Amino acid sequence: SNTFTGFSNSLDLRLDQPIFTYNRRKLEYKEIEFNFENS
């Protein structure tokens, strides 16, 4: 017999951090910089 009609709100802060591996984002950025310099 329980029903719910109303509002809800969820506020979240999240950190995703790879560990024990190389920095893929930084490596990709440097490669694109080198591609531009090469061009």
PDB file of all heavy atoms in Angstrom:
ATOM      1  N   SER A   1       0.820  -1.212   0.000  1.00  0.00           N
ATOM      2  CA  SER A   1       0.000   0.000   0.000  1.00  0.00           C
ATOM      3  C   SER A   1       0.851   1.259   0.000  1.00  0.00           C
ATOM      4  O   SER A   1       0.340   2.366  -0.155  1.00  0.00           O
ATOM      5  CB  SER A   1      -0.908   0.012   1.253  1.00  0.00           C
ATOM      6  OG  SER A   1      -0.115  -0.024   2.434  1.00  0.00           O
ATOM      7  N   ASN A   2       2.171   1.072   0.180  1.00  0.00           N
ATOM      8  CA  ASN A   2       3.086   2.209   0.191  1.00  0.00           C
ATOM      9  C   ASN A   2       3.364   2.669  -1.237  1.00  0.00           C
ATOM     10  O   ASN A   2       3.762   1.865  -2.102  1.00  0.00           O
ATOM     11  CB  ASN A   2       4.398   1.849   0.872  1.00  0.00           C
ATOM     12  CG  ASN A   2       4.199   1.556   2.350  1.00  0.00           C
ATOM     13  OD1 ASN A   2       3.316   2.148   2.984  1.00  0.00           O
ATOM     14  ND2 ASN A   2       5.001   0.654   2.898  1.00  0.00           N
ATOM     15  N   THR A   3       3.169   3.891  -1.464  1.00  0.00           N
ATOM     16  CA  THR A   3       3.491   4.514  -2.758  1.00  0.00           C
ATOM     17  C   THR A   3       4.317   5.760  -2.500  1.00  0.00           C
ATOM     18  O   THR A   3       4.338   6.290  -1.382  1.00  0.00           O
ATOM     19  CB  THR A   3       2.216   4.878  -3.539  1.00  0.00           C
ATOM     20  OG1 THR A   3       1.487   5.851  -2.787  1.00  0.00           O
ATOM     21  CG2 THR A   3       1.357   3.649  -3.812  1.00  0.00           C
ATOM     22  N   PHE A   4       4.983   6.207  -3.562  1.00  0.00           N
ATOM     23  CA  PHE A   4       5.776   7.426  -3.408  1.00  0.00           C
ATOM     24  C   PHE A   4       5.594   8.290  -4.638  1.00  0.00           C
ATOM     25  O   PHE A   4       5.777   7.833  -5.775  1.00  0.00           O
ATOM     26  CB  PHE A   4       7.265   7.126  -3.220  1.00  0.00           C
ATOM     27  CG  PHE A   4       8.111   8.373  -3.165  1.00  0.00           C
ATOM     28  CD1 PHE A   4       8.155   9.138  -2.005  1.00  0.00           C
ATOM     29  CD2 PHE A   4       8.827   8.815  -4.276  1.00  0.00           C
ATOM     30  CE1 PHE A   4       8.917  10.302  -1.951  1.00  0.00           C
ATOM     31  CE2 PHE A   4       9.582   9.970  -4.221  1.00  0.00           C
ATOM     32  CZ  PHE A   4       9.633  10.721  -3.044  1.00  0.00           C
ATOM     33  N   THR A   5       5.243   9.481  -4.398  1.00  0.00           N
ATOM     34  CA  THR A   5       5.150  10.479  -5.453  1.00  0.00           C
ATOM     35  C   THR A   5       5.866  11.727  -4.946  1.00  0.00           C
ATOM     36  O   THR A   5       5.448  12.332  -3.953  1.00  0.00           O
ATOM     37  CB  THR A   5       3.696  10.815  -5.804  1.00  0.00           C
ATOM     38  OG1 THR A   5       3.023   9.637  -6.235  1.00  0.00           O
ATOM     39  CG2 THR A   5       3.644  11.867  -6.907  1.00  0.00           C
ATOM     40  N   GLY A   6       6.945  12.082  -5.628  1.00  0.00           N
ATOM     41  CA  GLY A   6       7.683  13.252  -5.163  1.00  0.00           C
ATOM     42  C   GLY A   6       8.989  13.453  -5.919  1.00  0.00           C
ATOM     43  O   GLY A   6       9.180  12.921  -7.021  1.00  0.00           O
ATOM     44  N   PHE A   7       9.910  14.179  -5.286  1.00  0.00           N
ATOM     45  CA  PHE A   7      11.137  14.600  -5.929  1.00  0.00           C
ATOM     46  C   PHE A   7      12.346  13.940  -5.263  1.00  0.00           C
ATOM     47  O   PHE A   7      12.306  13.568  -4.092  1.00  0.00           O
ATOM     48  CB  PHE A   7      11.283  16.124  -5.845  1.00  0.00           C
ATOM     49  CG  PHE A   7      10.174  16.875  -6.497  1.00  0.00           C
ATOM     50  CD1 PHE A   7       9.033  17.235  -5.758  1.00  0.00           C
ATOM     51  CD2 PHE A   7      10.235  17.213  -7.831  1.00  0.00           C
ATOM     52  CE1 PHE A   7       8.003  17.941  -6.362  1.00  0.00           C
ATOM     53  CE2 PHE A   7       9.209  17.926  -8.438  1.00  0.00           C
ATOM     54  CZ  PHE A   7       8.085  18.282  -7.715  1.00  0.00           C
ATOM     55  N   SER A   8      13.435  13.827  -6.032  1.00  0.00           N
ATOM     56  CA  SER A   8      14.691  13.290  -5.487  1.00  0.00           C
ATOM     57  C   SER A   8      15.860  14.030  -6.122  1.00  0.00           C
ATOM     58  O   SER A   8      15.766  14.522  -7.254  1.00  0.00           O
ATOM     59  CB  SER A   8      14.816  11.780  -5.753  1.00  0.00           C
ATOM     60  OG  SER A   8      14.889  11.519  -7.147  1.00  0.00           O
ATOM     61  N   ASN A   9      16.963  14.055  -5.386  1.00  0.00           N
ATOM     62  CA  ASN A   9      18.162  14.723  -5.905  1.00  0.00           C
ATOM     63  C   ASN A   9      19.398  14.012  -5.349  1.00  0.00           C
ATOM     64  O   ASN A   9      19.467  13.678  -4.169  1.00  0.00           O
ATOM     65  CB  ASN A   9      18.199  16.195  -5.506  1.00  0.00           C
ATOM     66  CG  ASN A   9      19.266  16.958  -6.274  1.00  0.00           C
ATOM     67  OD1 ASN A   9      19.027  17.358  -7.404  1.00  0.00           O
ATOM     68  ND2 ASN A   9      20.428  17.169  -5.673  1.00  0.00           N
ATOM     69  N   SER A  10      20.381  13.763  -6.274  1.00  0.00           N
ATOM     70  CA  SER A  10      21.614  13.083  -5.878  1.00  0.00           C
ATOM     71  C   SER A  10      22.795  13.906  -6.360  1.00  0.00           C
ATOM     72  O   SER A  10      22.950  14.151  -7.570  1.00  0.00           O
ATOM     73  CB  SER A  10      21.669  11.669  -6.480  1.00  0.00           C
ATOM     74  OG  SER A  10      22.870  11.020  -6.130  1.00  0.00           O
ATOM     75  N   LEU A  11      23.651  14.352  -5.441  1.00  0.00           N
ATOM     76  CA  LEU A  11      24.847  15.134  -5.760  1.00  0.00           C
ATOM     77  C   LEU A  11      26.071  14.296  -5.432  1.00  0.00           C
ATOM     78  O   LEU A  11      26.246  13.861  -4.289  1.00  0.00           O
ATOM     79  CB  LEU A  11      24.852  16.435  -4.953  1.00  0.00           C
ATOM     80  CG  LEU A  11      26.062  17.359  -5.155  1.00  0.00           C
ATOM     81  CD1 LEU A  11      26.117  17.862  -6.588  1.00  0.00           C
ATOM     82  CD2 LEU A  11      26.014  18.522  -4.165  1.00  0.00           C
ATOM     83  N   ASP A  12      26.938  14.043  -6.437  1.00  0.00           N
ATOM     84  CA  ASP A  12      28.072  13.134  -6.258  1.00  0.00           C
ATOM     85  C   ASP A  12      29.354  13.758  -6.791  1.00  0.00           C
ATOM     86  O   ASP A  12      29.369  14.404  -7.843  1.00  0.00           O
ATOM     87  CB  ASP A  12      27.823  11.810  -6.994  1.00  0.00           C
ATOM     88  CG  ASP A  12      26.611  11.071  -6.458  1.00  0.00           C
ATOM     89  OD1 ASP A  12      26.645  10.648  -5.297  1.00  0.00           O
ATOM     90  OD2 ASP A  12      25.615  10.945  -7.207  1.00  0.00           O
ATOM     91  N   LEU A  13      30.451  13.499  -6.064  1.00  0.00           N
ATOM     92  CA  LEU A  13      31.807  13.870  -6.483  1.00  0.00           C
ATOM     93  C   LEU A  13      32.612  12.588  -6.604  1.00  0.00           C
ATOM     94  O   LEU A  13      32.678  11.801  -5.673  1.00  0.00           O
ATOM     95  CB  LEU A  13      32.450  14.808  -5.461  1.00  0.00           C
ATOM     96  CG  LEU A  13      33.887  15.255  -5.777  1.00  0.00           C
ATOM     97  CD1 LEU A  13      33.927  16.111  -7.035  1.00  0.00           C
ATOM     98  CD2 LEU A  13      34.483  16.012  -4.585  1.00  0.00           C
ATOM     99  N   ARG A  14      33.280  12.392  -7.805  1.00  0.00           N
ATOM    100  CA  ARG A  14      33.935  11.104  -8.075  1.00  0.00           C
ATOM    101  C   ARG A  14      35.324  11.327  -8.656  1.00  0.00           C
ATOM    102  O   ARG A  14      35.539  12.241  -9.465  1.00  0.00           O
ATOM    103  CB  ARG A  14      33.085  10.281  -9.058  1.00  0.00           C
ATOM    104  CG  ARG A  14      33.661   8.906  -9.393  1.00  0.00           C
ATOM    105  CD  ARG A  14      32.788   8.170 -10.398  1.00  0.00           C
ATOM    106  NE  ARG A  14      33.327   6.858 -10.718  1.00  0.00           N
ATOM    107  CZ  ARG A  14      33.070   5.753 -10.044  1.00  0.00           C
ATOM    108  NH1 ARG A  14      32.257   5.798  -8.992  1.00  0.00           N
ATOM    109  NH2 ARG A  14      33.592   4.594 -10.390  1.00  0.00           N
ATOM    110  N   LEU A  15      36.257  10.496  -8.237  1.00  0.00           N
ATOM    111  CA  LEU A  15      37.612  10.488  -8.789  1.00  0.00           C
ATOM    112  C   LEU A  15      37.921   9.096  -9.291  1.00  0.00           C
ATOM    113  O   LEU A  15      37.827   8.115  -8.553  1.00  0.00           O
ATOM    114  CB  LEU A  15      38.639  10.895  -7.728  1.00  0.00           C
ATOM    115  CG  LEU A  15      40.111  10.747  -8.139  1.00  0.00           C
ATOM    116  CD1 LEU A  15      40.457  11.700  -9.284  1.00  0.00           C
ATOM    117  CD2 LEU A  15      41.046  10.981  -6.952  1.00  0.00           C
ATOM    118  N   ASP A  16      38.303   9.005 -10.581  1.00  0.00           N
ATOM    119  CA  ASP A  16      38.775   7.747 -11.173  1.00  0.00           C
ATOM    120  C   ASP A  16      40.249   7.914 -11.495  1.00  0.00           C
ATOM    121  O   ASP A  16      40.624   8.789 -12.304  1.00  0.00           O
ATOM    122  CB  ASP A  16      37.988   7.421 -12.446  1.00  0.00           C
ATOM    123  CG  ASP A  16      36.572   6.969 -12.150  1.00  0.00           C
ATOM    124  OD1 ASP A  16      36.403   5.819 -11.729  1.00  0.00           O
ATOM    125  OD2 ASP A  16      35.637   7.789 -12.334  1.00  0.00           O
ATOM    126  N   GLN A  17      41.093   7.083 -10.896  1.00  0.00           N
ATOM    127  CA  GLN A  17      42.537   7.227 -11.046  1.00  0.00           C
ATOM    128  C   GLN A  17      43.189   5.887 -11.365  1.00  0.00           C
ATOM    129  O   GLN A  17      43.230   4.989 -10.528  1.00  0.00           O
ATOM    130  CB  GLN A  17      43.141   7.801  -9.767  1.00  0.00           C
ATOM    131  CG  GLN A  17      44.661   7.946  -9.800  1.00  0.00           C
ATOM    132  CD  GLN A  17      45.098   8.874 -10.904  1.00  0.00           C
ATOM    133  OE1 GLN A  17      44.702  10.031 -10.944  1.00  0.00           O
ATOM    134  NE2 GLN A  17      45.923   8.361 -11.832  1.00  0.00           N
ATOM    135  N   PRO A  18      43.737   5.749 -12.627  1.00  0.00           N
ATOM    136  CA  PRO A  18      44.522   4.547 -12.923  1.00  0.00           C
ATOM    137  C   PRO A  18      45.822   4.546 -12.126  1.00  0.00           C
ATOM    138  O   PRO A  18      46.423   5.601 -11.910  1.00  0.00           O
ATOM    139  CB  PRO A  18      44.788   4.659 -14.430  1.00  0.00           C
ATOM    140  CG  PRO A  18      43.820   5.687 -14.938  1.00  0.00           C
ATOM    141  CD  PRO A  18      43.566   6.614 -13.794  1.00  0.00           C
ATOM    142  N   ILE A  19      46.264   3.374 -11.712  1.00  0.00           N
ATOM    143  CA  ILE A  19      47.525   3.267 -10.964  1.00  0.00           C
ATOM    144  C   ILE A  19      48.332   2.105 -11.513  1.00  0.00           C
ATOM    145  O   ILE A  19      47.794   1.215 -12.189  1.00  0.00           O
ATOM    146  CB  ILE A  19      47.273   3.087  -9.445  1.00  0.00           C
ATOM    147  CG1 ILE A  19      46.324   1.904  -9.205  1.00  0.00           C
ATOM    148  CG2 ILE A  19      46.702   4.356  -8.835  1.00  0.00           C
ATOM    149  CD1 ILE A  19      46.064   1.630  -7.726  1.00  0.00           C
ATOM    150  N   PHE A  20      49.627   2.118 -11.229  1.00  0.00           N
ATOM    151  CA  PHE A  20      50.572   1.077 -11.668  1.00  0.00           C
ATOM    152  C   PHE A  20      50.626   0.972 -13.193  1.00  0.00           C
ATOM    153  O   PHE A  20      50.812  -0.131 -13.736  1.00  0.00           O
ATOM    154  CB  PHE A  20      50.209  -0.293 -11.064  1.00  0.00           C
ATOM    155  CG  PHE A  20      50.017  -0.287  -9.586  1.00  0.00           C
ATOM    156  CD1 PHE A  20      48.876  -0.817  -9.010  1.00  0.00           C
ATOM    157  CD2 PHE A  20      50.968   0.273  -8.742  1.00  0.00           C
ATOM    158  CE1 PHE A  20      48.694  -0.805  -7.637  1.00  0.00           C
ATOM    159  CE2 PHE A  20      50.803   0.297  -7.367  1.00  0.00           C
ATOM    160  CZ  PHE A  20      49.649  -0.243  -6.809  1.00  0.00           C
ATOM    161  N   THR A  21      50.448   2.084 -13.900  1.00  0.00           N
ATOM    162  CA  THR A  21      50.510   2.065 -15.354  1.00  0.00           C
ATOM    163  C   THR A  21      50.999   3.418 -15.839  1.00  0.00           C
ATOM    164  O   THR A  21      51.159   4.362 -15.061  1.00  0.00           O
ATOM    165  CB  THR A  21      49.126   1.740 -15.966  1.00  0.00           C
ATOM    166  OG1 THR A  21      49.252   1.598 -17.387  1.00  0.00           O
ATOM    167  CG2 THR A  21      48.116   2.845 -15.659  1.00  0.00           C
ATOM    168  N   TYR A  22      51.274   3.543 -17.153  1.00  0.00           N
ATOM    169  CA  TYR A  22      51.782   4.797 -17.693  1.00  0.00           C
ATOM    170  C   TYR A  22      50.634   5.775 -17.953  1.00  0.00           C
ATOM    171  O   TYR A  22      49.458   5.393 -18.020  1.00  0.00           O
ATOM    172  CB  TYR A  22      52.587   4.550 -18.976  1.00  0.00           C
ATOM    173  CG  TYR A  22      51.751   4.157 -20.181  1.00  0.00           C
ATOM    174  CD1 TYR A  22      51.317   5.119 -21.105  1.00  0.00           C
ATOM    175  CD2 TYR A  22      51.412   2.823 -20.420  1.00  0.00           C
ATOM    176  CE1 TYR A  22      50.569   4.772 -22.203  1.00  0.00           C
ATOM    177  CE2 TYR A  22      50.672   2.465 -21.524  1.00  0.00           C
ATOM    178  CZ  TYR A  22      50.250   3.436 -22.414  1.00  0.00           C
ATOM    179  OH  TYR A  22      49.487   3.078 -23.506  1.00  0.00           O
ATOM    180  N   ASN A  23      50.976   7.021 -18.096  1.00  0.00           N
ATOM    181  CA  ASN A  23      49.997   8.091 -18.296  1.00  0.00           C
ATOM    182  C   ASN A  23      49.601   8.147 -19.773  1.00  0.00           C
ATOM    183  O   ASN A  23      50.281   8.755 -20.603  1.00  0.00           O
ATOM    184  CB  ASN A  23      50.589   9.440 -17.848  1.00  0.00           C
ATOM    185  CG  ASN A  23      49.551  10.536 -17.767  1.00  0.00           C
ATOM    186  OD1 ASN A  23      48.596  10.551 -18.520  1.00  0.00           O
ATOM    187  ND2 ASN A  23      49.756  11.458 -16.838  1.00  0.00           N
ATOM    188  N   ARG A  24      48.510   7.518 -20.110  1.00  0.00           N
ATOM    189  CA  ARG A  24      48.070   7.447 -21.501  1.00  0.00           C
ATOM    190  C   ARG A  24      47.673   8.815 -22.057  1.00  0.00           C
ATOM    191  O   ARG A  24      47.974   9.126 -23.219  1.00  0.00           O
ATOM    192  CB  ARG A  24      46.899   6.474 -21.626  1.00  0.00           C
ATOM    193  CG  ARG A  24      47.299   5.026 -21.504  1.00  0.00           C
ATOM    194  CD  ARG A  24      46.109   4.101 -21.341  1.00  0.00           C
ATOM    195  NE  ARG A  24      46.495   2.698 -21.467  1.00  0.00           N
ATOM    196  CZ  ARG A  24      47.078   1.997 -20.496  1.00  0.00           C
ATOM    197  NH1 ARG A  24      47.342   2.576 -19.324  1.00  0.00           N
ATOM    198  NH2 ARG A  24      47.405   0.735 -20.684  1.00  0.00           N
ATOM    199  N   ARG A  25      47.014   9.602 -21.264  1.00  0.00           N
ATOM    200  CA  ARG A  25      46.547  10.907 -21.744  1.00  0.00           C
ATOM    201  C   ARG A  25      47.737  11.825 -22.065  1.00  0.00           C
ATOM    202  O   ARG A  25      47.752  12.507 -23.093  1.00  0.00           O
ATOM    203  CB  ARG A  25      45.644  11.558 -20.694  1.00  0.00           C
ATOM    204  CG  ARG A  25      45.064  12.906 -21.129  1.00  0.00           C
ATOM    205  CD  ARG A  25      44.047  13.437 -20.135  1.00  0.00           C
ATOM    206  NE  ARG A  25      42.754  12.770 -20.273  1.00  0.00           N
ATOM    207  CZ  ARG A  25      42.271  11.863 -19.429  1.00  0.00           C
ATOM    208  NH1 ARG A  25      42.986  11.501 -18.367  1.00  0.00           N
ATOM    209  NH2 ARG A  25      41.094  11.316 -19.614  1.00  0.00           N
ATOM    210  N   LYS A  26      48.734  11.833 -21.215  1.00  0.00           N
ATOM    211  CA  LYS A  26      49.908  12.677 -21.440  1.00  0.00           C
ATOM    212  C   LYS A  26      50.703  12.200 -22.649  1.00  0.00           C
ATOM    213  O   LYS A  26      51.203  13.014 -23.446  1.00  0.00           O
ATOM    214  CB  LYS A  26      50.792  12.671 -20.190  1.00  0.00           C
ATOM    215  CG  LYS A  26      51.925  13.693 -20.221  1.00  0.00           C
ATOM    216  CD  LYS A  26      52.646  13.736 -18.877  1.00  0.00           C
ATOM    217  CE  LYS A  26      53.729  14.807 -18.872  1.00  0.00           C
ATOM    218  NZ  LYS A  26      54.420  14.886 -17.559  1.00  0.00           N
ATOM    219  N   LEU A  27      50.814  10.896 -22.808  1.00  0.00           N
ATOM    220  CA  LEU A  27      51.538  10.335 -23.941  1.00  0.00           C
ATOM    221  C   LEU A  27      50.840  10.698 -25.253  1.00  0.00           C
ATOM    222  O   LEU A  27      51.491  11.089 -26.240  1.00  0.00           O
ATOM    223  CB  LEU A  27      51.646   8.814 -23.800  1.00  0.00           C
ATOM    224  CG  LEU A  27      52.488   8.094 -24.852  1.00  0.00           C
ATOM    225  CD1 LEU A  27      53.944   8.527 -24.773  1.00  0.00           C
ATOM    226  CD2 LEU A  27      52.379   6.590 -24.676  1.00  0.00           C
ATOM    227  N   GLU A  28      49.529  10.593 -25.280  1.00  0.00           N
ATOM    228  CA  GLU A  28      48.774  10.935 -26.485  1.00  0.00           C
ATOM    229  C   GLU A  28      48.931  12.414 -26.826  1.00  0.00           C
ATOM    230  O   GLU A  28      49.075  12.785 -27.996  1.00  0.00           O
ATOM    231  CB  GLU A  28      47.295  10.594 -26.280  1.00  0.00           C
ATOM    232  CG  GLU A  28      46.429  10.875 -27.497  1.00  0.00           C
ATOM    233  CD  GLU A  28      44.970  10.540 -27.259  1.00  0.00           C
ATOM    234  OE1 GLU A  28      44.622  10.162 -26.114  1.00  0.00           O
ATOM    235  OE2 GLU A  28      44.163  10.670 -28.200  1.00  0.00           O
ATOM    236  N   TYR A  29      48.919  13.253 -25.805  1.00  0.00           N
ATOM    237  CA  TYR A  29      49.069  14.688 -26.038  1.00  0.00           C
ATOM    238  C   TYR A  29      50.443  15.006 -26.641  1.00  0.00           C
ATOM    239  O   TYR A  29      50.563  15.812 -27.583  1.00  0.00           O
ATOM    240  CB  TYR A  29      48.884  15.432 -24.715  1.00  0.00           C
ATOM    241  CG  TYR A  29      48.993  16.935 -24.843  1.00  0.00           C
ATOM    242  CD1 TYR A  29      47.956  17.685 -25.385  1.00  0.00           C
ATOM    243  CD2 TYR A  29      50.149  17.594 -24.415  1.00  0.00           C
ATOM    244  CE1 TYR A  29      48.056  19.055 -25.500  1.00  0.00           C
ATOM    245  CE2 TYR A  29      50.248  18.964 -24.536  1.00  0.00           C
ATOM    246  CZ  TYR A  29      49.204  19.696 -25.077  1.00  0.00           C
ATOM    247  OH  TYR A  29      49.310  21.054 -25.202  1.00  0.00           O
ATOM    248  N   LYS A  30      51.497  14.383 -26.109  1.00  0.00           N
ATOM    249  CA  LYS A  30      52.842  14.624 -26.639  1.00  0.00           C
ATOM    250  C   LYS A  30      52.961  14.131 -28.079  1.00  0.00           C
ATOM    251  O   LYS A  30      53.615  14.774 -28.904  1.00  0.00           O
ATOM    252  CB  LYS A  30      53.880  13.929 -25.756  1.00  0.00           C
ATOM    253  CG  LYS A  30      54.049  14.524 -24.367  1.00  0.00           C
ATOM    254  CD  LYS A  30      54.544  15.959 -24.431  1.00  0.00           C
ATOM    255  CE  LYS A  30      55.932  16.070 -25.013  1.00  0.00           C
ATOM    256  NZ  LYS A  30      56.440  17.464 -25.047  1.00  0.00           N
ATOM    257  N   GLU A  31      52.329  13.006 -28.387  1.00  0.00           N
ATOM    258  CA  GLU A  31      52.377  12.501 -29.757  1.00  0.00           C
ATOM    259  C   GLU A  31      51.712  13.468 -30.728  1.00  0.00           C
ATOM    260  O   GLU A  31      52.224  13.698 -31.835  1.00  0.00           O
ATOM    261  CB  GLU A  31      51.700  11.132 -29.834  1.00  0.00           C
ATOM    262  CG  GLU A  31      52.548   9.994 -29.318  1.00  0.00           C
ATOM    263  CD  GLU A  31      51.898   8.646 -29.541  1.00  0.00           C
ATOM    264  OE1 GLU A  31      50.669   8.544 -29.353  1.00  0.00           O
ATOM    265  OE2 GLU A  31      52.612   7.698 -29.918  1.00  0.00           O
ATOM    266  N   ILE A  32      50.597  14.037 -30.335  1.00  0.00           N
ATOM    267  CA  ILE A  32      49.916  14.989 -31.211  1.00  0.00           C
ATOM    268  C   ILE A  32      50.759  16.245 -31.373  1.00  0.00           C
ATOM    269  O   ILE A  32      50.829  16.836 -32.459  1.00  0.00           O
ATOM    270  CB  ILE A  32      48.519  15.319 -30.642  1.00  0.00           C
ATOM    271  CG1 ILE A  32      47.624  14.078 -30.702  1.00  0.00           C
ATOM    272  CG2 ILE A  32      47.866  16.464 -31.411  1.00  0.00           C
ATOM    273  CD1 ILE A  32      46.256  14.270 -30.106  1.00  0.00           C
ATOM    274  N   GLU A  33      51.443  16.679 -30.317  1.00  0.00           N
ATOM    275  CA  GLU A  33      52.355  17.814 -30.424  1.00  0.00           C
ATOM    276  C   GLU A  33      53.474  17.524 -31.424  1.00  0.00           C
ATOM    277  O   GLU A  33      53.827  18.372 -32.253  1.00  0.00           O
ATOM    278  CB  GLU A  33      52.959  18.133 -29.055  1.00  0.00           C
ATOM    279  CG  GLU A  33      52.082  18.973 -28.153  1.00  0.00           C
ATOM    280  CD  GLU A  33      52.810  19.456 -26.912  1.00  0.00           C
ATOM    281  OE1 GLU A  33      53.670  18.708 -26.405  1.00  0.00           O
ATOM    282  OE2 GLU A  33      52.513  20.562 -26.445  1.00  0.00           O
ATOM    283  N   PHE A  34      54.033  16.324 -31.349  1.00  0.00           N
ATOM    284  CA  PHE A  34      55.100  15.951 -32.278  1.00  0.00           C
ATOM    285  C   PHE A  34      54.576  15.855 -33.712  1.00  0.00           C
ATOM    286  O   PHE A  34      55.268  16.226 -34.663  1.00  0.00           O
ATOM    287  CB  PHE A  34      55.734  14.629 -31.859  1.00  0.00           C
ATOM    288  CG  PHE A  34      56.690  14.755 -30.702  1.00  0.00           C
ATOM    289  CD1 PHE A  34      56.714  13.809 -29.694  1.00  0.00           C
ATOM    290  CD2 PHE A  34      57.560  15.821 -30.618  1.00  0.00           C
ATOM    291  CE1 PHE A  34      57.580  13.925 -28.616  1.00  0.00           C
ATOM    292  CE2 PHE A  34      58.437  15.948 -29.555  1.00  0.00           C
ATOM    293  CZ  PHE A  34      58.445  15.002 -28.554  1.00  0.00           C
ATOM    294  N   ASN A  35      53.361  15.355 -33.888  1.00  0.00           N
ATOM    295  CA  ASN A  35      52.771  15.289 -35.227  1.00  0.00           C
ATOM    296  C   ASN A  35      52.620  16.682 -35.821  1.00  0.00           C
ATOM    297  O   ASN A  35      52.875  16.895 -37.012  1.00  0.00           O
ATOM    298  CB  ASN A  35      51.406  14.592 -35.176  1.00  0.00           C
ATOM    299  CG  ASN A  35      51.524  13.101 -34.931  1.00  0.00           C
ATOM    300  OD1 ASN A  35      52.581  12.512 -35.161  1.00  0.00           O
ATOM    301  ND2 ASN A  35      50.467  12.493 -34.456  1.00  0.00           N
ATOM    302  N   PHE A  36      52.204  17.612 -34.992  1.00  0.00           N
ATOM    303  CA  PHE A  36      52.056  18.985 -35.469  1.00  0.00           C
ATOM    304  C   PHE A  36      53.415  19.586 -35.830  1.00  0.00           C
ATOM    305  O   PHE A  36      53.570  20.212 -36.883  1.00  0.00           O
ATOM    306  CB  PHE A  36      51.359  19.830 -34.403  1.00  0.00           C
ATOM    307  CG  PHE A  36      51.259  21.281 -34.764  1.00  0.00           C
ATOM    308  CD1 PHE A  36      50.581  21.687 -35.903  1.00  0.00           C
ATOM    309  CD2 PHE A  36      51.860  22.238 -33.971  1.00  0.00           C
ATOM    310  CE1 PHE A  36      50.495  23.028 -36.246  1.00  0.00           C
ATOM    311  CE2 PHE A  36      51.776  23.587 -34.304  1.00  0.00           C
ATOM    312  CZ  PHE A  36      51.095  23.983 -35.443  1.00  0.00           C
ATOM    313  N   GLU A  37      54.400  19.376 -34.966  1.00  0.00           N
ATOM    314  CA  GLU A  37      55.741  19.897 -35.261  1.00  0.00           C
ATOM    315  C   GLU A  37      56.299  19.269 -36.532  1.00  0.00           C
ATOM    316  O   GLU A  37      56.910  19.944 -37.362  1.00  0.00           O
ATOM    317  CB  GLU A  37      56.679  19.628 -34.082  1.00  0.00           C
ATOM    318  CG  GLU A  37      58.075  20.201 -34.286  1.00  0.00           C
ATOM    319  CD  GLU A  37      59.029  19.892 -33.146  1.00  0.00           C
ATOM    320  OE1 GLU A  37      58.589  19.250 -32.161  1.00  0.00           O
ATOM    321  OE2 GLU A  37      60.204  20.279 -33.234  1.00  0.00           O
ATOM    322  N   ASN A  38      56.049  17.974 -36.697  1.00  0.00           N
ATOM    323  CA  ASN A  38      56.536  17.280 -37.888  1.00  0.00           C
ATOM    324  C   ASN A  38      55.866  17.827 -39.143  1.00  0.00           C
ATOM    325  O   ASN A  38      56.502  17.964 -40.199  1.00  0.00           O
ATOM    326  CB  ASN A  38      56.267  15.779 -37.753  1.00  0.00           C
ATOM    327  CG  ASN A  38      57.211  14.952 -38.608  1.00  0.00           C
ATOM    328  OD1 ASN A  38      58.296  15.401 -38.976  1.00  0.00           O
ATOM    329  ND2 ASN A  38      56.789  13.757 -38.942  1.00  0.00           N
ATOM    330  N   SER A  39      54.576  18.131 -39.061  1.00  0.00           N
ATOM    331  CA  SER A  39      53.869  18.691 -40.214  1.00  0.00           C
ATOM    332  C   SER A  39      54.381  20.095 -40.532  1.00  0.00           C
ATOM    333  O   SER A  39      54.444  20.487 -41.706  1.00  0.00           O
ATOM    334  CB  SER A  39      52.361  18.714 -39.959  1.00  0.00           C
ATOM    335  OG  SER A  39      52.028  19.571 -38.891  1.00  0.00           O
TER     336      SER A  39
END
